[in-house]
């Protein structure tokens, strides 16, 4: 994976935020749902269906909660596996 995040017009993450190499894959009952990535200045996430990364969040817990909030209503809390 590239250390530089892709610049997308609909993404809230700018080119100045670089992935730092830590990531957590969100796993649901049917498999992977998305991932949380550490970036300079916080954490971001991306669902498998997203074209780009979402906003930058101050802590891992907040980014994981934001990913969960982006799932379909009634979804179970995913298991986050560090990779």
Protein backbone atom coordinates (compact mmCIF):
# COMPACT_ATOMS: atom_id res chain seq x y z
CA UNK A 1 0.00 0.00 0.00
CA UNK A 2 1.28 3.46 -0.83
CA UNK A 3 2.28 5.76 2.01
CA UNK A 4 0.49 8.66 0.33
CA UNK A 5 -3.26 8.73 0.41
CA UNK A 6 -5.10 9.30 -2.80
CA UNK A 7 -6.64 12.74 -3.25
CA UNK A 8 -10.33 12.39 -3.97
CA UNK A 9 -12.75 15.26 -4.52
CA UNK A 10 -15.29 13.64 -2.18
CA UNK A 11 -12.72 12.68 0.44
CA UNK A 12 -12.27 14.69 3.63
CA UNK A 13 -8.63 13.59 3.91
CA UNK A 14 -6.07 15.76 2.16
CA UNK A 15 -2.70 14.89 0.69
CA UNK A 16 -0.95 16.27 3.77
CA UNK A 17 -2.16 13.29 5.84
CA UNK A 18 0.04 10.29 5.17
CA UNK A 19 -0.66 6.73 6.19
CA UNK A 20 1.77 5.71 8.92
CA UNK A 21 1.62 1.96 8.36
CA UNK A 22 -0.73 0.83 11.14
CA UNK A 23 -4.12 -0.51 10.12
CA UNK A 24 -7.01 -2.38 11.64
CA UNK A 25 -9.37 -4.41 9.47
CA UNK A 26 -13.03 -4.30 10.54
CA UNK A 27 -14.49 -7.80 10.35
CA UNK A 28 -18.19 -8.61 10.39
CA UNK A 29 -20.03 -11.95 10.27
CA UNK A 30 -19.66 -12.11 6.47
CA UNK A 31 -16.04 -10.92 6.28
CA UNK A 32 -14.15 -7.66 5.92
CA UNK A 33 -16.19 -4.43 6.06
CA UNK A 34 -13.48 -1.80 5.89
CA UNK A 35 -10.33 -0.63 7.61
CA UNK A 36 -9.02 2.02 10.00
CA UNK A 37 -5.59 3.53 9.25
CA UNK A 38 -3.28 5.63 11.35
CA UNK A 39 -2.29 8.86 9.64
CA UNK A 40 -0.18 11.81 10.67
CA UNK A 41 -2.39 13.65 13.13
CA UNK A 42 -4.89 10.88 13.91
CA UNK A 43 -6.82 8.07 12.25
CA UNK A 44 -9.01 7.66 9.19
CA UNK A 45 -11.18 4.88 7.83
CA UNK A 46 -12.53 3.51 4.61
CA UNK A 47 -15.37 1.08 4.02
CA UNK A 48 -14.82 -1.47 1.25
CA UNK A 49 -17.43 0.35 -0.85
CA UNK A 50 -15.80 3.80 -0.41
CA UNK A 51 -13.78 5.44 -3.17
CA UNK A 52 -11.65 7.38 -0.69
CA UNK A 53 -10.77 7.78 2.94
CA UNK A 54 -13.12 9.57 5.30
CA UNK A 55 -12.23 12.36 7.74
CA UNK A 56 -9.36 12.37 10.21
CA UNK A 57 -10.32 11.47 13.78
CA UNK A 58 -8.26 12.20 16.91
CA UNK A 59 -8.15 8.67 18.38
CA UNK A 60 -8.45 5.06 17.27
CA UNK A 61 -11.63 4.63 19.35
CA UNK A 62 -13.30 7.61 17.66
CA UNK A 63 -12.32 6.37 14.17
CA UNK A 64 -13.64 2.88 14.96
CA UNK A 65 -16.90 4.39 16.22
CA UNK A 66 -17.19 6.48 13.04
CA UNK A 67 -16.69 3.37 10.90
CA UNK A 68 -19.38 1.57 12.88
CA UNK A 69 -21.75 4.54 12.49
CA UNK A 70 -21.26 4.36 8.71
CA UNK A 71 -22.47 0.74 8.58
CA UNK A 72 -26.06 -0.20 7.85
CA UNK A 73 -28.47 0.27 10.77
CA UNK A 74 -28.66 -2.86 12.92
CA UNK A 75 -25.12 -3.98 12.06
CA UNK A 76 -23.14 -5.67 14.81
CA UNK A 77 -20.03 -3.98 16.20
CA UNK A 78 -17.18 -5.29 14.03
CA UNK A 79 -14.08 -7.04 15.32
CA UNK A 80 -11.04 -4.85 14.60
CA UNK A 81 -7.93 -6.87 13.78
CA UNK A 82 -4.58 -5.10 13.67
CA UNK A 83 -2.49 -5.81 10.57
